[in-house]
């Protein structure tokens, strides 16, 4: 076990009996995981590749477009 893991385990032991603190910790951990999995975590090369892929899909017509907000809202309501 690394020093960091030991420190985390020690810190968790201090919070274990406080349900409110454990809930806050759980929410924070979930946000960290979401942040890690966020699209913003892409490298610049991955981001550029995704943009190029999206542009190709648009050229092929593999997309949905709307002429006004009402049509878009109707389509979103079907999802």
PDB file of N, CA and C in Angstrom:
ATOM      1  N   UNK A   1       0.854  -1.170   0.000  1.00  0.00           N
ATOM      2  CA  UNK A   1       0.000   0.000   0.000  1.00  0.00           C
ATOM      3  C   UNK A   1       0.904   1.238   0.000  1.00  0.00           C
ATOM      4  N   UNK A   2       0.555   2.197  -0.823  1.00  0.00           N
ATOM      5  CA  UNK A   2       1.366   3.407  -0.919  1.00  0.00           C
ATOM      6  C   UNK A   2       1.068   4.352   0.235  1.00  0.00           C
ATOM      7  N   UNK A   3       1.921   5.345   0.407  1.00  0.00           N
ATOM      8  CA  UNK A   3       1.718   6.332   1.465  1.00  0.00           C
ATOM      9  C   UNK A   3       0.411   7.091   1.240  1.00  0.00           C
ATOM     10  N   UNK A   4       0.095   7.388  -0.018  1.00  0.00           N
ATOM     11  CA  UNK A   4      -1.148   8.092  -0.327  1.00  0.00           C
ATOM     12  C   UNK A   4      -2.357   7.245   0.044  1.00  0.00           C
ATOM     13  N   UNK A   5      -2.319   5.964  -0.283  1.00  0.00           N
ATOM     14  CA  UNK A   5      -3.423   5.068   0.070  1.00  0.00           C
ATOM     15  C   UNK A   5      -3.594   4.966   1.580  1.00  0.00           C
ATOM     16  N   UNK A   6      -2.488   4.919   2.311  1.00  0.00           N
ATOM     17  CA  UNK A   6      -2.565   4.878   3.776  1.00  0.00           C
ATOM     18  C   UNK A   6      -3.179   6.160   4.329  1.00  0.00           C
ATOM     19  N   UNK A   7      -2.790   7.294   3.765  1.00  0.00           N
ATOM     20  CA  UNK A   7      -3.344   8.567   4.215  1.00  0.00           C
ATOM     21  C   UNK A   7      -4.840   8.646   3.933  1.00  0.00           C
ATOM     22  N   UNK A   8      -5.259   8.184   2.758  1.00  0.00           N
ATOM     23  CA  UNK A   8      -6.684   8.189   2.408  1.00  0.00           C
ATOM     24  C   UNK A   8      -7.451   7.289   3.366  1.00  0.00           C
ATOM     25  N   UNK A   9      -6.913   6.126   3.655  1.00  0.00           N
ATOM     26  CA  UNK A   9      -7.566   5.194   4.575  1.00  0.00           C
ATOM     27  C   UNK A   9      -7.698   5.815   5.964  1.00  0.00           C
ATOM     28  N   UNK A  10      -6.667   6.506   6.419  1.00  0.00           N
ATOM     29  CA  UNK A  10      -6.681   7.169   7.726  1.00  0.00           C
ATOM     30  C   UNK A  10      -7.728   8.287   7.743  1.00  0.00           C
ATOM     31  N   UNK A  11      -7.780   9.072   6.674  1.00  0.00           N
ATOM     32  CA  UNK A  11      -8.764  10.155   6.580  1.00  0.00           C
ATOM     33  C   UNK A  11     -10.188   9.608   6.559  1.00  0.00           C
ATOM     34  N   UNK A  12     -10.398   8.532   5.827  1.00  0.00           N
ATOM     35  CA  UNK A  12     -11.729   7.915   5.752  1.00  0.00           C
ATOM     36  C   UNK A  12     -12.175   7.431   7.118  1.00  0.00           C
ATOM     37  N   UNK A  13     -11.261   6.907   7.903  1.00  0.00           N
ATOM     38  CA  UNK A  13     -11.599   6.414   9.238  1.00  0.00           C
ATOM     39  C   UNK A  13     -12.120   7.543  10.113  1.00  0.00           C
ATOM     40  N   UNK A  14     -11.596   8.752   9.918  1.00  0.00           N
ATOM     41  CA  UNK A  14     -12.050   9.900  10.709  1.00  0.00           C
ATOM     42  C   UNK A  14     -13.474  10.302  10.340  1.00  0.00           C
ATOM     43  N   UNK A  15     -13.884  10.051   9.095  1.00  0.00           N
ATOM     44  CA  UNK A  15     -15.206  10.445   8.619  1.00  0.00           C
ATOM     45  C   UNK A  15     -16.247   9.333   8.746  1.00  0.00           C
ATOM     46  N   UNK A  16     -15.809   8.131   8.931  1.00  0.00           N
ATOM     47  CA  UNK A  16     -16.679   6.953   8.863  1.00  0.00           C
ATOM     48  C   UNK A  16     -17.933   7.058   9.735  1.00  0.00           C
ATOM     49  N   UNK A  17     -17.826   7.668  10.903  1.00  0.00           N
ATOM     50  CA  UNK A  17     -18.959   7.738  11.832  1.00  0.00           C
ATOM     51  C   UNK A  17     -19.866   8.943  11.597  1.00  0.00           C
ATOM     52  N   UNK A  18     -19.525   9.790  10.656  1.00  0.00           N
ATOM     53  CA  UNK A  18     -20.323  10.992  10.383  1.00  0.00           C
ATOM     54  C   UNK A  18     -21.041  10.807   9.045  1.00  0.00           C
ATOM     55  N   UNK A  19     -22.333  10.440   9.115  1.00  0.00           N
ATOM     56  CA  UNK A  19     -23.097  10.137   7.898  1.00  0.00           C
ATOM     57  C   UNK A  19     -23.158  11.333   6.947  1.00  0.00           C
ATOM     58  N   UNK A  20     -23.331  12.517   7.497  1.00  0.00           N
ATOM     59  CA  UNK A  20     -23.400  13.721   6.657  1.00  0.00           C
ATOM     60  C   UNK A  20     -22.115  13.940   5.883  1.00  0.00           C
ATOM     61  N   UNK A  21     -20.984  13.766   6.548  1.00  0.00           N
ATOM     62  CA  UNK A  21     -19.684  13.935   5.878  1.00  0.00           C
ATOM     63  C   UNK A  21     -19.465  12.839   4.839  1.00  0.00           C
ATOM     64  N   UNK A  22     -19.918  11.630   5.130  1.00  0.00           N
ATOM     65  CA  UNK A  22     -19.763  10.538   4.173  1.00  0.00           C
ATOM     66  C   UNK A  22     -20.590  10.808   2.918  1.00  0.00           C
ATOM     67  N   UNK A  23     -21.802  11.376   3.092  1.00  0.00           N
ATOM     68  CA  UNK A  23     -22.625  11.724   1.932  1.00  0.00           C
ATOM     69  C   UNK A  23     -21.945  12.794   1.092  1.00  0.00           C
ATOM     70  N   UNK A  24     -21.369  13.803   1.767  1.00  0.00           N
ATOM     71  CA  UNK A  24     -20.666  14.862   1.032  1.00  0.00           C
ATOM     72  C   UNK A  24     -19.462  14.296   0.286  1.00  0.00           C
ATOM     73  N   UNK A  25     -18.753  13.401   0.946  1.00  0.00           N
ATOM     74  CA  UNK A  25     -17.597  12.776   0.314  1.00  0.00           C
ATOM     75  C   UNK A  25     -18.019  11.964  -0.907  1.00  0.00           C
ATOM     76  N   UNK A  26     -19.125  11.233  -0.767  1.00  0.00           N
ATOM     77  CA  UNK A  26     -19.629  10.430  -1.874  1.00  0.00           C
ATOM     78  C   UNK A  26     -19.984  11.304  -3.072  1.00  0.00           C
ATOM     79  N   UNK A  27     -20.659  12.434  -2.821  1.00  0.00           N
ATOM     80  CA  UNK A  27     -21.010  13.355  -3.907  1.00  0.00           C
ATOM     81  C   UNK A  27     -19.753  13.895  -4.584  1.00  0.00           C
ATOM     82  N   UNK A  28     -18.760  14.226  -3.780  1.00  0.00           N
ATOM     83  CA  UNK A  28     -17.513  14.768  -4.328  1.00  0.00           C
ATOM     84  C   UNK A  28     -16.803  13.723  -5.190  1.00  0.00           C
ATOM     85  N   UNK A  29     -16.759  12.499  -4.710  1.00  0.00           N
ATOM     86  CA  UNK A  29     -16.115  11.420  -5.480  1.00  0.00           C
ATOM     87  C   UNK A  29     -16.847  11.220  -6.811  1.00  0.00           C
ATOM     88  N   UNK A  30     -18.184  11.260  -6.789  1.00  0.00           N
ATOM     89  CA  UNK A  30     -18.955  11.114  -8.029  1.00  0.00           C
ATOM     90  C   UNK A  30     -18.626  12.232  -9.009  1.00  0.00           C
ATOM     91  N   UNK A  31     -18.478  13.463  -8.489  1.00  0.00           N
ATOM     92  CA  UNK A  31     -18.115  14.579  -9.371  1.00  0.00           C
ATOM     93  C   UNK A  31     -16.724  14.387  -9.954  1.00  0.00           C
ATOM     94  N   UNK A  32     -15.802  13.892  -9.151  1.00  0.00           N
ATOM     95  CA  UNK A  32     -14.449  13.636  -9.655  1.00  0.00           C
ATOM     96  C   UNK A  32     -14.462  12.584 -10.761  1.00  0.00           C
ATOM     97  N   UNK A  33     -15.260  11.528 -10.563  1.00  0.00           N
ATOM     98  CA  UNK A  33     -15.354  10.470 -11.576  1.00  0.00           C
ATOM     99  C   UNK A  33     -15.968  11.024 -12.854  1.00  0.00           C
ATOM    100  N   UNK A  34     -17.022  11.823 -12.716  1.00  0.00           N
ATOM    101  CA  UNK A  34     -17.656  12.424 -13.895  1.00  0.00           C
ATOM    102  C   UNK A  34     -16.677  13.338 -14.609  1.00  0.00           C
ATOM    103  N   UNK A  35     -15.906  14.075 -13.842  1.00  0.00           N
ATOM    104  CA  UNK A  35     -14.922  14.979 -14.432  1.00  0.00           C
ATOM    105  C   UNK A  35     -13.858  14.187 -15.187  1.00  0.00           C
ATOM    106  N   UNK A  36     -13.465  13.066 -14.631  1.00  0.00           N
ATOM    107  CA  UNK A  36     -12.462  12.222 -15.278  1.00  0.00           C
ATOM    108  C   UNK A  36     -12.997  11.671 -16.599  1.00  0.00           C
ATOM    109  N   UNK A  37     -14.295  11.338 -16.621  1.00  0.00           N
ATOM    110  CA  UNK A  37     -14.912  10.766 -17.809  1.00  0.00           C
ATOM    111  C   UNK A  37     -15.449  11.823 -18.771  1.00  0.00           C
ATOM    112  N   UNK A  38     -15.301  13.077 -18.413  1.00  0.00           N
ATOM    113  CA  UNK A  38     -15.833  14.179 -19.209  1.00  0.00           C
ATOM    114  C   UNK A  38     -15.105  14.281 -20.550  1.00  0.00           C
ATOM    115  N   UNK A  39     -15.837  14.738 -21.576  1.00  0.00           N
ATOM    116  CA  UNK A  39     -15.235  14.936 -22.891  1.00  0.00           C
ATOM    117  C   UNK A  39     -14.074  15.920 -22.844  1.00  0.00           C
ATOM    118  N   UNK A  40     -14.078  16.828 -21.888  1.00  0.00           N
ATOM    119  CA  UNK A  40     -12.997  17.803 -21.777  1.00  0.00           C
ATOM    120  C   UNK A  40     -11.674  17.124 -21.448  1.00  0.00           C
ATOM    121  N   UNK A  41     -11.729  15.881 -21.048  1.00  0.00           N
ATOM    122  CA  UNK A  41     -10.508  15.148 -20.722  1.00  0.00           C
ATOM    123  C   UNK A  41      -9.796  14.628 -21.967  1.00  0.00           C
ATOM    124  N   UNK A  42     -10.377  14.866 -23.145  1.00  0.00           N
ATOM    125  CA  UNK A  42      -9.734  14.423 -24.373  1.00  0.00           C
ATOM    126  C   UNK A  42      -8.450  15.202 -24.630  1.00  0.00           C
ATOM    127  N   UNK A  43      -7.522  14.540 -25.281  1.00  0.00           N
ATOM    128  CA  UNK A  43      -6.342  15.253 -25.739  1.00  0.00           C
ATOM    129  C   UNK A  43      -6.746  16.110 -26.932  1.00  0.00           C
ATOM    130  N   UNK A  44      -5.893  17.020 -27.317  1.00  0.00           N
ATOM    131  CA  UNK A  44      -6.206  17.887 -28.449  1.00  0.00           C
ATOM    132  C   UNK A  44      -6.383  17.061 -29.727  1.00  0.00           C
ATOM    133  N   UNK A  45      -5.559  16.037 -29.895  1.00  0.00           N
ATOM    134  CA  UNK A  45      -5.665  15.186 -31.074  1.00  0.00           C
ATOM    135  C   UNK A  45      -6.994  14.442 -31.110  1.00  0.00           C
ATOM    136  N   UNK A  46      -7.416  13.931 -29.962  1.00  0.00           N
ATOM    137  CA  UNK A  46      -8.692  13.228 -29.889  1.00  0.00           C
ATOM    138  C   UNK A  46      -9.850  14.179 -30.174  1.00  0.00           C
ATOM    139  N   UNK A  47      -9.752  15.394 -29.652  1.00  0.00           N
ATOM    140  CA  UNK A  47     -10.797  16.385 -29.872  1.00  0.00           C
ATOM    141  C   UNK A  47     -10.906  16.729 -31.355  1.00  0.00           C
ATOM    142  N   UNK A  48      -9.766  16.979 -31.999  1.00  0.00           N
ATOM    143  CA  UNK A  48      -9.755  17.317 -33.427  1.00  0.00           C
ATOM    144  C   UNK A  48     -10.322  16.154 -34.239  1.00  0.00           C
ATOM    145  N   UNK A  49      -9.980  14.928 -33.874  1.00  0.00           N
ATOM    146  CA  UNK A  49     -10.499  13.758 -34.583  1.00  0.00           C
ATOM    147  C   UNK A  49     -12.015  13.673 -34.437  1.00  0.00           C
ATOM    148  N   UNK A  50     -12.541  13.957 -33.254  1.00  0.00           N
ATOM    149  CA  UNK A  50     -13.994  13.926 -33.051  1.00  0.00           C
ATOM    150  C   UNK A  50     -14.689  15.013 -33.872  1.00  0.00           C
ATOM    151  N   UNK A  51     -14.094  16.188 -33.943  1.00  0.00           N
ATOM    152  CA  UNK A  51     -14.679  17.275 -34.744  1.00  0.00           C
ATOM    153  C   UNK A  51     -14.697  16.880 -36.214  1.00  0.00           C
ATOM    154  N   UNK A  52     -13.600  16.311 -36.706  1.00  0.00           N
ATOM    155  CA  UNK A  52     -13.548  15.876 -38.104  1.00  0.00           C
ATOM    156  C   UNK A  52     -14.586  14.794 -38.380  1.00  0.00           C
ATOM    157  N   UNK A  53     -14.742  13.873 -37.456  1.00  0.00           N
ATOM    158  CA  UNK A  53     -15.733  12.812 -37.608  1.00  0.00           C
ATOM    159  C   UNK A  53     -17.139  13.412 -37.667  1.00  0.00           C
ATOM    160  N   UNK A  54     -17.417  14.375 -36.804  1.00  0.00           N
ATOM    161  CA  UNK A  54     -18.731  15.020 -36.796  1.00  0.00           C
ATOM    162  C   UNK A  54     -18.971  15.767 -38.107  1.00  0.00           C
ATOM    163  N   UNK A  55     -17.942  16.439 -38.614  1.00  0.00           N
ATOM    164  CA  UNK A  55     -18.085  17.157 -39.881  1.00  0.00           C
ATOM    165  C   UNK A  55     -18.395  16.200 -41.028  1.00  0.00           C
ATOM    166  N   UNK A  56     -17.751  15.036 -41.021  1.00  0.00           N
ATOM    167  CA  UNK A  56     -18.014  14.025 -42.055  1.00  0.00           C
ATOM    168  C   UNK A  56     -19.449  13.501 -41.946  1.00  0.00           C
ATOM    169  N   UNK A  57     -19.909  13.283 -40.720  1.00  0.00           N
ATOM    170  CA  UNK A  57     -21.288  12.817 -40.520  1.00  0.00           C
ATOM    171  C   UNK A  57     -22.288  13.854 -41.035  1.00  0.00           C
ATOM    172  N   UNK A  58     -22.001  15.114 -40.802  1.00  0.00           N
ATOM    173  CA  UNK A  58     -22.884  16.182 -41.287  1.00  0.00           C
ATOM    174  C   UNK A  58     -22.909  16.200 -42.812  1.00  0.00           C
ATOM    175  N   UNK A  59     -21.752  16.066 -43.432  1.00  0.00           N
ATOM    176  CA  UNK A  59     -21.678  16.044 -44.906  1.00  0.00           C
ATOM    177  C   UNK A  59     -22.487  14.886 -45.482  1.00  0.00           C
ATOM    178  N   UNK A  60     -22.471  13.741 -44.799  1.00  0.00           N
ATOM    179  CA  UNK A  60     -23.218  12.572 -45.261  1.00  0.00           C
ATOM    180  C   UNK A  60     -24.713  12.687 -44.941  1.00  0.00           C
ATOM    181  N   UNK A  61     -25.076  13.661 -44.141  1.00  0.00           N
ATOM    182  CA  UNK A  61     -26.469  13.811 -43.752  1.00  0.00           C
ATOM    183  C   UNK A  61     -26.852  12.977 -42.551  1.00  0.00           C
ATOM    184  N   UNK A  62     -25.867  12.449 -41.849  1.00  0.00           N
ATOM    185  CA  UNK A  62     -26.122  11.637 -40.654  1.00  0.00           C
ATOM    186  C   UNK A  62     -26.314  12.543 -39.437  1.00  0.00           C
ATOM    187  N   UNK A  63     -27.308  13.422 -39.523  1.00  0.00           N
ATOM    188  CA  UNK A  63     -27.559  14.354 -38.433  1.00  0.00           C
ATOM    189  C   UNK A  63     -29.016  14.801 -38.481  1.00  0.00           C
ATOM    190  N   UNK A  64     -29.402  15.534 -37.481  1.00  0.00           N
ATOM    191  CA  UNK A  64     -30.752  16.083 -37.412  1.00  0.00           C
ATOM    192  C   UNK A  64     -30.610  17.596 -37.400  1.00  0.00           C
ATOM    193  N   UNK A  65     -31.379  18.273 -38.247  1.00  0.00           N
ATOM    194  CA  UNK A  65     -31.332  19.736 -38.245  1.00  0.00           C
ATOM    195  C   UNK A  65     -32.757  20.281 -38.184  1.00  0.00           C
ATOM    196  N   UNK A  66     -32.868  21.503 -37.743  1.00  0.00           N
ATOM    197  CA  UNK A  66     -34.173  22.120 -37.536  1.00  0.00           C
ATOM    198  C   UNK A  66     -34.174  23.524 -38.118  1.00  0.00           C
ATOM    199  N   UNK A  67     -35.342  23.935 -38.598  1.00  0.00           N
ATOM    200  CA  UNK A  67     -35.448  25.285 -39.147  1.00  0.00           C
ATOM    201  C   UNK A  67     -35.925  26.278 -38.089  1.00  0.00           C
ATOM    202  N   UNK A  68     -36.452  25.754 -36.975  1.00  0.00           N
ATOM    203  CA  UNK A  68     -36.882  26.648 -35.898  1.00  0.00           C
ATOM    204  C   UNK A  68     -36.848  25.920 -34.559  1.00  0.00           C
ATOM    205  N   UNK A  69     -36.955  26.692 -33.483  1.00  0.00           N
ATOM    206  CA  UNK A  69     -36.855  26.139 -32.132  1.00  0.00           C
ATOM    207  C   UNK A  69     -38.027  25.227 -31.785  1.00  0.00           C
ATOM    208  N   UNK A  70     -39.212  25.537 -32.305  1.00  0.00           N
ATOM    209  CA  UNK A  70     -40.384  24.713 -31.994  1.00  0.00           C
ATOM    210  C   UNK A  70     -40.198  23.287 -32.494  1.00  0.00           C
ATOM    211  N   UNK A  71     -39.678  23.156 -33.724  1.00  0.00           N
ATOM    212  CA  UNK A  71     -39.435  21.820 -34.274  1.00  0.00           C
ATOM    213  C   UNK A  71     -38.401  21.071 -33.442  1.00  0.00           C
ATOM    214  N   UNK A  72     -37.368  21.795 -33.009  1.00  0.00           N
ATOM    215  CA  UNK A  72     -36.345  21.167 -32.185  1.00  0.00           C
ATOM    216  C   UNK A  72     -36.947  20.713 -30.853  1.00  0.00           C
ATOM    217  N   UNK A  73     -37.772  21.569 -30.239  1.00  0.00           N
ATOM    218  CA  UNK A  73     -38.410  21.193 -28.974  1.00  0.00           C
ATOM    219  C   UNK A  73     -39.287  19.956 -29.135  1.00  0.00           C
ATOM    220  N   UNK A  74     -40.045  19.886 -30.226  1.00  0.00           N
ATOM    221  CA  UNK A  74     -40.899  18.723 -30.487  1.00  0.00           C
ATOM    222  C   UNK A  74     -40.050  17.461 -30.609  1.00  0.00           C
ATOM    223  N   UNK A  75     -38.963  17.560 -31.337  1.00  0.00           N
ATOM    224  CA  UNK A  75     -38.082  16.408 -31.517  1.00  0.00           C
ATOM    225  C   UNK A  75     -37.487  15.987 -30.181  1.00  0.00           C
ATOM    226  N   UNK A  76     -37.018  16.947 -29.372  1.00  0.00           N
ATOM    227  CA  UNK A  76     -36.455  16.630 -28.075  1.00  0.00           C
ATOM    228  C   UNK A  76     -37.477  15.968 -27.156  1.00  0.00           C
ATOM    229  N   UNK A  77     -38.728  16.400 -27.254  1.00  0.00           N
ATOM    230  CA  UNK A  77     -39.783  15.806 -26.432  1.00  0.00           C
ATOM    231  C   UNK A  77     -40.034  14.334 -26.778  1.00  0.00           C
ATOM    232  N   UNK A  78     -39.662  13.911 -27.976  1.00  0.00           N
ATOM    233  CA  UNK A  78     -39.859  12.509 -28.354  1.00  0.00           C
ATOM    234  C   UNK A  78     -38.785  11.600 -27.786  1.00  0.00           C
ATOM    235  N   UNK A  79     -37.711  12.161 -27.305  1.00  0.00           N
ATOM    236  CA  UNK A  79     -36.599  11.339 -26.786  1.00  0.00           C
ATOM    237  C   UNK A  79     -36.896  10.797 -25.415  1.00  0.00           C
TER     238      UNK A  79
END
